[in-house]
Amino acid sequence: DYDMARVMHYIFTSPFFYDQENQANKIKAPIDLMVQTARLFGMKFHDVWAPTFLQRALGQVMFDPPNVAGWPGGRAWINNSTLMLRLNLAEYLIDNQRFDHAVATPYEAMTANSTVQNIRIQKNMVPIIEIFSGTTFNSLGEKLQSSLLAGSHNLKLMTKKERHSLNYTQRAILRLTSLPEFQMC
């Protein structure tokens, strides 16, 4: 009878929807990864072409599929040229680090024969850090994982020695974004 409300209710209330085997078993598409990272850290790019460079480097340029079938999915997103960029994307952007690995398409600067190694962004980490403010060191890792990772995990993000740093919440979030589990949805 084409009642979508009933279909959606059936799907979302079915036990198989919440089975562990159905959680965190799909690799995020590059655009999904970029959008999640940008929203998580309140990012705004200084250069309008920077997102396009990142999309090319990750292998998925919006509105420019390789053919009429669209983009491949799953493990096709992970290869030698994208793996390290995916794992270190947030840290590269937040800490304004150099891209020390080769990308398929270099980011052309305004002058010929020069490439840009850093992507400048404006970030606002206050909202994400405020969410976890007041969280004890012992429960921070668990709360971060349950909020930012698909599925359930028991990963150690920080050492006890690191808990005394002023920005340990920020460091824990960045460490979490560099985990393979963050690549899954």
N, C-alpha and C. Protein backbone atom coordinates (compact mmCIF):
# COMPACT_ATOMS: atom_id res chain seq x y z
N ASP A 1 0.82 -1.21 0.00
CA ASP A 1 0.00 0.00 0.00
C ASP A 1 0.86 1.27 0.00
N TYR A 2 2.16 1.14 -0.15
CA TYR A 2 3.08 2.27 -0.30
C TYR A 2 3.08 3.22 0.90
N ASP A 3 2.80 2.71 2.08
CA ASP A 3 2.82 3.53 3.29
C ASP A 3 4.25 3.57 3.83
N MET A 4 4.97 4.62 3.49
CA MET A 4 6.38 4.72 3.88
C MET A 4 6.55 4.82 5.40
N ALA A 5 5.60 5.39 6.08
CA ALA A 5 5.69 5.50 7.54
C ALA A 5 5.75 4.10 8.15
N ARG A 6 4.93 3.18 7.66
CA ARG A 6 4.94 1.80 8.17
C ARG A 6 6.25 1.10 7.83
N VAL A 7 6.75 1.32 6.63
CA VAL A 7 8.01 0.70 6.22
C VAL A 7 9.15 1.19 7.11
N MET A 8 9.23 2.50 7.30
CA MET A 8 10.29 3.07 8.13
C MET A 8 10.17 2.59 9.58
N HIS A 9 8.95 2.53 10.09
CA HIS A 9 8.74 2.03 11.45
C HIS A 9 9.22 0.60 11.57
N TYR A 10 8.89 -0.23 10.58
CA TYR A 10 9.32 -1.63 10.60
C TYR A 10 10.84 -1.73 10.60
N ILE A 11 11.48 -0.97 9.73
CA ILE A 11 12.94 -1.03 9.62
C ILE A 11 13.61 -0.58 10.92
N PHE A 12 13.20 0.57 11.43
CA PHE A 12 13.88 1.15 12.60
C PHE A 12 13.53 0.47 13.92
N THR A 13 12.49 -0.33 13.95
CA THR A 13 12.16 -1.05 15.18
C THR A 13 12.54 -2.52 15.10
N SER A 14 13.06 -2.96 13.97
CA SER A 14 13.48 -4.35 13.82
C SER A 14 14.81 -4.60 14.52
N PRO A 15 14.93 -5.73 15.19
CA PRO A 15 16.19 -6.03 15.89
C PRO A 15 17.39 -6.08 14.95
N PHE A 16 17.21 -6.56 13.71
CA PHE A 16 18.35 -6.67 12.80
C PHE A 16 18.96 -5.31 12.47
N PHE A 17 18.18 -4.25 12.58
CA PHE A 17 18.71 -2.91 12.29
C PHE A 17 19.79 -2.53 13.31
N TYR A 18 19.66 -3.02 14.52
CA TYR A 18 20.58 -2.67 15.60
C TYR A 18 21.62 -3.74 15.89
N ASP A 19 21.65 -4.81 15.11
CA ASP A 19 22.65 -5.86 15.29
C ASP A 19 24.05 -5.30 15.11
N GLN A 20 24.99 -5.81 15.92
CA GLN A 20 26.38 -5.37 15.84
C GLN A 20 26.95 -5.56 14.43
N GLU A 21 26.58 -6.63 13.76
CA GLU A 21 27.13 -6.91 12.43
C GLU A 21 26.68 -5.89 11.39
N ASN A 22 25.64 -5.13 11.68
CA ASN A 22 25.15 -4.12 10.74
C ASN A 22 25.63 -2.71 11.08
N GLN A 23 26.45 -2.58 12.11
CA GLN A 23 26.95 -1.27 12.51
C GLN A 23 28.42 -1.14 12.13
N ALA A 24 28.78 0.04 11.69
CA ALA A 24 30.17 0.36 11.36
C ALA A 24 30.76 -0.63 10.36
N ASN A 25 30.00 -0.95 9.33
CA ASN A 25 30.49 -1.90 8.34
C ASN A 25 30.59 -1.29 6.94
N LYS A 26 30.46 0.01 6.84
CA LYS A 26 30.55 0.69 5.55
C LYS A 26 31.60 1.80 5.66
N ILE A 27 32.48 1.88 4.68
CA ILE A 27 33.50 2.92 4.67
C ILE A 27 32.87 4.22 4.19
N LYS A 28 33.11 5.29 4.93
CA LYS A 28 32.56 6.59 4.56
C LYS A 28 33.10 7.04 3.21
N ALA A 29 32.24 7.60 2.40
CA ALA A 29 32.67 8.23 1.16
C ALA A 29 33.49 9.46 1.51
N PRO A 30 34.41 9.88 0.65
CA PRO A 30 35.23 11.05 0.95
C PRO A 30 34.42 12.30 1.30
N ILE A 31 33.34 12.54 0.59
CA ILE A 31 32.51 13.72 0.89
C ILE A 31 31.92 13.60 2.29
N ASP A 32 31.45 12.42 2.65
CA ASP A 32 30.91 12.21 4.00
C ASP A 32 31.97 12.48 5.06
N LEU A 33 33.18 11.99 4.82
CA LEU A 33 34.28 12.21 5.75
C LEU A 33 34.62 13.69 5.87
N MET A 34 34.69 14.39 4.74
CA MET A 34 35.00 15.83 4.76
C MET A 34 33.93 16.62 5.48
N VAL A 35 32.67 16.33 5.18
CA VAL A 35 31.57 17.08 5.80
C VAL A 35 31.53 16.82 7.30
N GLN A 36 31.69 15.57 7.71
CA GLN A 36 31.68 15.27 9.14
C GLN A 36 32.83 15.98 9.85
N THR A 37 34.01 15.96 9.25
CA THR A 37 35.17 16.62 9.86
C THR A 37 34.95 18.13 9.94
N ALA A 38 34.45 18.72 8.86
CA ALA A 38 34.22 20.17 8.83
C ALA A 38 33.17 20.58 9.86
N ARG A 39 32.10 19.82 9.98
CA ARG A 39 31.05 20.16 10.94
C ARG A 39 31.51 19.92 12.38
N LEU A 40 32.26 18.87 12.58
CA LEU A 40 32.76 18.54 13.91
C LEU A 40 33.61 19.66 14.48
N PHE A 41 34.44 20.26 13.64
CA PHE A 41 35.38 21.29 14.10
C PHE A 41 34.98 22.70 13.67
N GLY A 42 33.78 22.89 13.15
CA GLY A 42 33.33 24.22 12.74
C GLY A 42 34.26 24.87 11.74
N MET A 43 34.67 24.13 10.72
CA MET A 43 35.68 24.61 9.76
C MET A 43 35.08 25.48 8.67
N LYS A 44 35.85 26.50 8.32
CA LYS A 44 35.58 27.31 7.13
C LYS A 44 36.91 27.47 6.41
N PHE A 45 36.92 27.18 5.13
CA PHE A 45 38.16 27.26 4.36
C PHE A 45 38.42 28.69 3.92
N HIS A 46 39.68 29.13 4.03
CA HIS A 46 40.06 30.47 3.59
C HIS A 46 40.05 30.55 2.07
N ASP A 47 40.45 29.49 1.40
CA ASP A 47 40.52 29.46 -0.06
C ASP A 47 39.34 28.65 -0.58
N VAL A 48 38.58 29.22 -1.51
CA VAL A 48 37.39 28.53 -2.02
C VAL A 48 37.73 27.25 -2.77
N TRP A 49 38.96 27.13 -3.26
CA TRP A 49 39.35 25.93 -4.01
C TRP A 49 39.89 24.83 -3.11
N ALA A 50 40.12 25.09 -1.86
CA ALA A 50 40.67 24.08 -0.96
C ALA A 50 39.78 22.84 -0.84
N PRO A 51 38.46 23.00 -0.68
CA PRO A 51 37.63 21.79 -0.60
C PRO A 51 37.70 20.94 -1.88
N THR A 52 37.79 21.60 -3.02
CA THR A 52 37.90 20.85 -4.28
C THR A 52 39.21 20.08 -4.33
N PHE A 53 40.29 20.70 -3.87
CA PHE A 53 41.57 19.99 -3.81
C PHE A 53 41.45 18.75 -2.94
N LEU A 54 40.85 18.91 -1.76
CA LEU A 54 40.70 17.76 -0.86
C LEU A 54 39.83 16.68 -1.48
N GLN A 55 38.77 17.09 -2.16
CA GLN A 55 37.91 16.12 -2.82
C GLN A 55 38.69 15.34 -3.87
N ARG A 56 39.48 16.03 -4.67
CA ARG A 56 40.30 15.34 -5.68
C ARG A 56 41.31 14.41 -5.02
N ALA A 57 41.94 14.89 -3.97
CA ALA A 57 42.95 14.08 -3.29
C ALA A 57 42.33 12.82 -2.68
N LEU A 58 41.09 12.93 -2.22
CA LEU A 58 40.41 11.79 -1.62
C LEU A 58 39.69 10.91 -2.64
N GLY A 59 39.53 11.41 -3.86
CA GLY A 59 38.97 10.59 -4.93
C GLY A 59 37.50 10.77 -5.21
N GLN A 60 36.87 11.84 -4.73
CA GLN A 60 35.45 12.07 -5.01
C GLN A 60 35.19 13.56 -5.10
N VAL A 61 35.01 14.07 -6.31
CA VAL A 61 34.70 15.48 -6.51
C VAL A 61 33.19 15.59 -6.69
N MET A 62 32.57 16.40 -5.84
CA MET A 62 31.11 16.56 -5.91
C MET A 62 30.69 17.02 -7.29
N PHE A 63 29.58 16.49 -7.75
CA PHE A 63 28.96 16.82 -9.04
C PHE A 63 29.86 16.49 -10.23
N ASP A 64 30.85 15.63 -10.03
CA ASP A 64 31.72 15.22 -11.13
C ASP A 64 32.03 13.72 -11.01
N PRO A 65 30.99 12.88 -11.14
CA PRO A 65 31.23 11.44 -11.03
C PRO A 65 32.05 10.93 -12.21
N PRO A 66 32.73 9.81 -12.03
CA PRO A 66 33.57 9.28 -13.10
C PRO A 66 32.78 8.78 -14.30
N ASN A 67 31.53 8.38 -14.08
CA ASN A 67 30.67 7.91 -15.18
C ASN A 67 29.22 7.99 -14.72
N VAL A 68 28.31 7.52 -15.56
CA VAL A 68 26.89 7.64 -15.23
C VAL A 68 26.49 6.75 -14.06
N ALA A 69 27.28 5.76 -13.75
CA ALA A 69 26.98 4.89 -12.60
C ALA A 69 27.33 5.55 -11.27
N GLY A 70 28.08 6.64 -11.33
CA GLY A 70 28.48 7.32 -10.10
C GLY A 70 29.81 6.83 -9.60
N TRP A 71 30.05 7.02 -8.33
CA TRP A 71 31.33 6.65 -7.74
C TRP A 71 31.29 5.22 -7.23
N PRO A 72 32.43 4.57 -7.24
CA PRO A 72 32.47 3.26 -6.59
C PRO A 72 32.34 3.47 -5.08
N GLY A 73 32.07 2.45 -4.36
CA GLY A 73 31.93 2.61 -2.92
C GLY A 73 32.79 1.62 -2.16
N GLY A 74 32.61 1.61 -0.87
CA GLY A 74 33.30 0.65 -0.02
C GLY A 74 34.80 0.77 -0.04
N ARG A 75 35.47 -0.35 -0.25
CA ARG A 75 36.93 -0.39 -0.19
C ARG A 75 37.60 0.39 -1.31
N ALA A 76 36.86 0.76 -2.32
CA ALA A 76 37.44 1.56 -3.42
C ALA A 76 37.90 2.93 -2.92
N TRP A 77 37.36 3.38 -1.79
CA TRP A 77 37.76 4.69 -1.25
C TRP A 77 39.13 4.62 -0.58
N ILE A 78 39.57 3.44 -0.26
CA ILE A 78 40.85 3.29 0.44
C ILE A 78 41.89 2.74 -0.53
N ASN A 79 42.95 3.51 -0.75
CA ASN A 79 44.06 3.04 -1.58
C ASN A 79 45.34 3.70 -1.08
N ASN A 80 46.44 3.43 -1.75
CA ASN A 80 47.73 3.94 -1.30
C ASN A 80 47.78 5.46 -1.23
N SER A 81 47.10 6.14 -2.14
CA SER A 81 47.20 7.60 -2.15
C SER A 81 46.20 8.27 -1.22
N THR A 82 45.16 7.56 -0.77
CA THR A 82 44.16 8.20 0.08
C THR A 82 44.21 7.79 1.54
N LEU A 83 44.79 6.65 1.83
CA LEU A 83 44.73 6.12 3.20
C LEU A 83 45.30 7.08 4.23
N MET A 84 46.52 7.53 4.05
CA MET A 84 47.14 8.41 5.05
C MET A 84 46.44 9.77 5.12
N LEU A 85 45.96 10.26 3.99
CA LEU A 85 45.21 11.52 4.01
C LEU A 85 43.93 11.36 4.81
N ARG A 86 43.21 10.28 4.60
CA ARG A 86 41.97 10.05 5.34
C ARG A 86 42.24 9.96 6.84
N LEU A 87 43.28 9.22 7.22
CA LEU A 87 43.57 9.02 8.64
C LEU A 87 44.05 10.30 9.32
N ASN A 88 44.69 11.18 8.58
CA ASN A 88 45.28 12.39 9.17
C ASN A 88 44.58 13.68 8.75
N LEU A 89 43.45 13.59 8.07
CA LEU A 89 42.78 14.77 7.53
C LEU A 89 42.51 15.83 8.59
N ALA A 90 41.89 15.47 9.69
CA ALA A 90 41.55 16.47 10.72
C ALA A 90 42.80 17.10 11.30
N GLU A 91 43.81 16.30 11.56
CA GLU A 91 45.04 16.84 12.14
C GLU A 91 45.75 17.78 11.17
N TYR A 92 45.78 17.41 9.88
CA TYR A 92 46.38 18.30 8.88
C TYR A 92 45.70 19.66 8.90
N LEU A 93 44.38 19.64 8.96
CA LEU A 93 43.63 20.90 8.87
C LEU A 93 43.66 21.68 10.18
N ILE A 94 43.41 21.03 11.29
CA ILE A 94 43.34 21.71 12.58
C ILE A 94 44.70 22.28 12.98
N ASP A 95 45.75 21.49 12.80
CA ASP A 95 47.09 21.93 13.20
C ASP A 95 47.84 22.64 12.08
N ASN A 96 47.18 22.87 10.94
CA ASN A 96 47.78 23.54 9.78
C ASN A 96 49.11 22.88 9.40
N GLN A 97 49.08 21.57 9.31
CA GLN A 97 50.28 20.81 8.97
C GLN A 97 50.45 20.70 7.46
N ARG A 98 51.68 20.47 7.06
CA ARG A 98 51.98 20.25 5.64
C ARG A 98 51.45 18.88 5.21
N PHE A 99 51.01 18.82 3.96
CA PHE A 99 50.65 17.54 3.36
C PHE A 99 51.95 16.90 2.89
N ASP A 100 52.46 15.96 3.65
CA ASP A 100 53.76 15.37 3.35
C ASP A 100 53.68 14.13 2.47
N HIS A 101 52.55 13.86 1.91
CA HIS A 101 52.43 12.70 1.03
C HIS A 101 51.96 13.18 -0.34
N ALA A 102 52.21 12.38 -1.33
CA ALA A 102 51.82 12.75 -2.69
C ALA A 102 50.31 12.59 -2.84
N VAL A 103 49.72 13.51 -3.56
CA VAL A 103 48.30 13.40 -3.88
C VAL A 103 48.18 13.28 -5.38
N ALA A 104 47.07 12.73 -5.83
CA ALA A 104 46.89 12.49 -7.26
C ALA A 104 46.90 13.79 -8.06
N THR A 105 46.30 14.85 -7.51
CA THR A 105 46.23 16.12 -8.21
C THR A 105 46.79 17.20 -7.30
N PRO A 106 47.96 17.77 -7.60
CA PRO A 106 48.52 18.80 -6.73
C PRO A 106 47.65 20.04 -6.72
N TYR A 107 47.66 20.70 -5.61
CA TYR A 107 46.88 21.92 -5.43
C TYR A 107 47.67 23.07 -6.03
N GLU A 108 47.19 23.60 -7.12
CA GLU A 108 47.92 24.65 -7.82
C GLU A 108 47.74 25.99 -7.09
N ALA A 109 48.82 26.65 -6.87
CA ALA A 109 48.79 27.97 -6.25
C ALA A 109 48.49 29.01 -7.33
N MET A 110 48.43 30.25 -6.93
CA MET A 110 48.11 31.32 -7.88
C MET A 110 49.20 31.50 -8.92
N THR A 111 50.43 31.21 -8.58
CA THR A 111 51.52 31.35 -9.54
C THR A 111 51.85 30.00 -10.15
N ALA A 112 52.30 30.02 -11.37
CA ALA A 112 52.62 28.77 -12.06
C ALA A 112 53.79 28.07 -11.39
N ASN A 113 53.81 26.76 -11.52
CA ASN A 113 54.90 25.92 -11.02
C ASN A 113 55.07 25.95 -9.50
N SER A 114 54.04 26.29 -8.77
CA SER A 114 54.13 26.21 -7.31
C SER A 114 52.90 25.49 -6.79
N THR A 115 53.07 24.75 -5.73
CA THR A 115 51.96 24.04 -5.12
C THR A 115 51.81 24.48 -3.67
N VAL A 116 50.63 24.32 -3.16
CA VAL A 116 50.34 24.69 -1.78
C VAL A 116 50.42 23.42 -0.93
N GLN A 117 51.17 23.46 0.14
CA GLN A 117 51.32 22.31 1.01
C GLN A 117 50.43 22.42 2.25
N ASN A 118 49.89 23.59 2.54
CA ASN A 118 49.03 23.78 3.70
C ASN A 118 47.68 24.30 3.23
N ILE A 119 46.64 23.87 3.90
CA ILE A 119 45.31 24.41 3.64
C ILE A 119 44.91 25.18 4.89
N ARG A 120 44.67 26.46 4.71
CA ARG A 120 44.32 27.30 5.85
C ARG A 120 42.81 27.27 6.08
N ILE A 121 42.45 27.10 7.33
CA ILE A 121 41.04 27.08 7.70
C ILE A 121 40.82 27.97 8.91
N GLN A 122 39.57 28.33 9.08
CA GLN A 122 39.13 28.95 10.33
C GLN A 122 38.37 27.84 11.05
N LYS A 123 38.66 27.64 12.31
CA LYS A 123 38.01 26.57 13.05
C LYS A 123 37.35 27.12 14.31
N ASN A 124 36.33 26.43 14.74
CA ASN A 124 35.66 26.78 15.99
C ASN A 124 35.43 25.48 16.74
N MET A 125 36.34 25.15 17.62
CA MET A 125 36.24 23.90 18.36
C MET A 125 35.51 24.06 19.69
N VAL A 126 35.11 25.28 20.00
CA VAL A 126 34.45 25.53 21.29
C VAL A 126 33.20 24.66 21.46
N PRO A 127 32.29 24.58 20.47
CA PRO A 127 31.08 23.77 20.70
C PRO A 127 31.37 22.30 20.99
N ILE A 128 32.26 21.69 20.24
CA ILE A 128 32.54 20.26 20.46
C ILE A 128 33.26 20.05 21.79
N ILE A 129 34.12 20.97 22.17
CA ILE A 129 34.82 20.83 23.45
C ILE A 129 33.87 21.08 24.61
N GLU A 130 32.93 22.02 24.45
CA GLU A 130 31.95 22.29 25.51
C GLU A 130 31.04 21.10 25.77
N ILE A 131 30.76 20.33 24.72
CA ILE A 131 29.92 19.14 24.90
C ILE A 131 30.55 18.20 25.92
N PHE A 132 31.87 18.11 25.89
CA PHE A 132 32.56 17.18 26.77
C PHE A 132 33.20 17.85 27.98
N SER A 133 32.95 19.14 28.17
CA SER A 133 33.52 19.81 29.35
C SER A 133 32.88 19.23 30.61
N GLY A 134 33.66 19.12 31.63
CA GLY A 134 33.17 18.54 32.87
C GLY A 134 33.24 17.02 32.88
N THR A 135 33.60 16.43 31.75
CA THR A 135 33.74 14.98 31.69
C THR A 135 35.07 14.59 32.33
N THR A 136 35.04 13.61 33.19
CA THR A 136 36.29 13.19 33.83
C THR A 136 37.19 12.51 32.81
N PHE A 137 38.47 12.53 33.10
CA PHE A 137 39.44 11.91 32.20
C PHE A 137 39.10 10.44 31.98
N ASN A 138 38.70 9.75 33.04
CA ASN A 138 38.43 8.31 32.94
C ASN A 138 37.26 7.99 32.04
N SER A 139 36.29 8.89 31.91
CA SER A 139 35.12 8.60 31.08
C SER A 139 35.14 9.34 29.74
N LEU A 140 36.13 10.22 29.52
CA LEU A 140 36.18 11.00 28.28
C LEU A 140 36.28 10.11 27.05
N GLY A 141 37.19 9.16 27.06
CA GLY A 141 37.36 8.28 25.90
C GLY A 141 36.10 7.54 25.54
N GLU A 142 35.42 7.01 26.54
CA GLU A 142 34.18 6.27 26.30
C GLU A 142 33.10 7.18 25.72
N LYS A 143 32.97 8.39 26.27
CA LYS A 143 31.95 9.32 25.77
C LYS A 143 32.25 9.78 24.35
N LEU A 144 33.52 10.05 24.06
CA LEU A 144 33.90 10.44 22.70
C LEU A 144 33.58 9.32 21.71
N GLN A 145 33.94 8.11 22.08
CA GLN A 145 33.71 6.98 21.18
C GLN A 145 32.23 6.74 20.94
N SER A 146 31.42 6.82 21.98
CA SER A 146 29.99 6.58 21.80
C SER A 146 29.33 7.71 21.01
N SER A 147 29.90 8.91 21.06
CA SER A 147 29.32 10.04 20.33
C SER A 147 29.79 10.13 18.88
N LEU A 148 31.03 9.76 18.62
CA LEU A 148 31.63 10.04 17.31
C LEU A 148 31.93 8.82 16.45
N LEU A 149 31.84 7.62 17.01
CA LEU A 149 32.12 6.42 16.23
C LEU A 149 30.86 5.59 16.06
N ALA A 150 30.71 4.99 14.89
CA ALA A 150 29.61 4.06 14.67
C ALA A 150 29.95 2.74 15.35
N GLY A 151 28.96 2.11 15.94
CA GLY A 151 29.21 0.84 16.61
C GLY A 151 29.77 1.06 18.00
N SER A 152 30.12 -0.03 18.65
CA SER A 152 30.69 0.09 20.00
C SER A 152 32.16 -0.30 19.96
N HIS A 153 32.95 0.46 20.70
CA HIS A 153 34.40 0.27 20.71
C HIS A 153 34.91 0.48 22.13
N ASN A 154 36.06 -0.07 22.40
CA ASN A 154 36.71 0.14 23.68
C ASN A 154 38.18 0.46 23.39
N LEU A 155 38.42 1.68 22.90
CA LEU A 155 39.75 2.10 22.48
C LEU A 155 40.35 3.05 23.50
N LYS A 156 41.64 2.99 23.68
CA LYS A 156 42.33 3.91 24.58
C LYS A 156 42.83 5.09 23.75
N LEU A 157 42.31 6.29 24.03
CA LEU A 157 42.65 7.48 23.25
C LEU A 157 43.80 8.27 23.85
N MET A 158 43.90 8.30 25.17
CA MET A 158 44.90 9.14 25.84
C MET A 158 45.55 8.35 26.98
N THR A 159 46.76 8.75 27.29
CA THR A 159 47.43 8.16 28.45
C THR A 159 47.17 9.04 29.67
N LYS A 160 47.35 8.50 30.84
CA LYS A 160 47.12 9.28 32.06
C LYS A 160 48.06 10.48 32.12
N LYS A 161 49.24 10.34 31.57
CA LYS A 161 50.20 11.44 31.57
C LYS A 161 49.66 12.63 30.75
N GLU A 162 48.90 12.34 29.69
CA GLU A 162 48.39 13.40 28.81
C GLU A 162 47.19 14.14 29.40
N ARG A 163 46.57 13.61 30.42
CA ARG A 163 45.35 14.23 30.93
C ARG A 163 45.60 15.59 31.56
N HIS A 164 46.83 15.92 31.88
CA HIS A 164 47.13 17.20 32.51
C HIS A 164 47.39 18.30 31.49
N SER A 165 47.39 17.98 30.21
CA SER A 165 47.59 19.03 29.21
C SER A 165 46.32 19.85 29.10
N LEU A 166 46.47 21.13 28.77
CA LEU A 166 45.33 22.03 28.72
C LEU A 166 44.34 21.65 27.63
N ASN A 167 44.82 21.06 26.56
CA ASN A 167 43.94 20.76 25.45
C ASN A 167 43.76 19.25 25.26
N TYR A 168 43.67 18.51 26.35
CA TYR A 168 43.59 17.05 26.22
C TYR A 168 42.30 16.62 25.54
N THR A 169 41.20 17.37 25.70
CA THR A 169 39.96 17.01 25.01
C THR A 169 40.15 17.17 23.50
N GLN A 170 40.75 18.28 23.08
CA GLN A 170 41.00 18.50 21.65
C GLN A 170 41.92 17.41 21.10
N ARG A 171 42.97 17.09 21.82
CA ARG A 171 43.91 16.04 21.37
C ARG A 171 43.21 14.69 21.28
N ALA A 172 42.34 14.40 22.24
CA ALA A 172 41.61 13.12 22.22
C ALA A 172 40.68 13.05 21.01
N ILE A 173 40.01 14.16 20.70
CA ILE A 173 39.13 14.19 19.54
C ILE A 173 39.93 14.00 18.26
N LEU A 174 41.06 14.70 18.14
CA LEU A 174 41.90 14.55 16.95
C LEU A 174 42.43 13.12 16.83
N ARG A 175 42.82 12.54 17.95
CA ARG A 175 43.31 11.16 17.92
C ARG A 175 42.20 10.23 17.46
N LEU A 176 40.98 10.47 17.92
CA LEU A 176 39.85 9.63 17.53
C LEU A 176 39.59 9.73 16.03
N THR A 177 39.72 10.94 15.46
CA THR A 177 39.48 11.10 14.02
C THR A 177 40.56 10.43 13.18
N SER A 178 41.68 10.08 13.77
CA SER A 178 42.74 9.42 13.01
C SER A 178 42.65 7.90 13.08
N LEU A 179 41.65 7.39 13.77
CA LEU A 179 41.49 5.94 13.89
C LEU A 179 40.77 5.37 12.67
N PRO A 180 41.09 4.14 12.29
CA PRO A 180 40.36 3.50 11.20
C PRO A 180 38.86 3.42 11.49
N GLU A 181 38.48 3.28 12.75
CA GLU A 181 37.06 3.20 13.11
C GLU A 181 36.29 4.46 12.74
N PHE A 182 36.97 5.62 12.70
CA PHE A 182 36.32 6.87 12.33
C PHE A 182 35.96 6.88 10.84
N GLN A 183 36.60 6.03 10.06
CA GLN A 183 36.34 5.95 8.62
C GLN A 183 35.07 5.17 8.31
N MET A 184 34.48 4.57 9.31
CA MET A 184 33.33 3.70 9.11
C MET A 184 32.03 4.40 9.51
N CYS A 185 30.95 3.97 8.86
CA CYS A 185 29.63 4.48 9.25
C CYS A 185 28.63 3.34 9.22
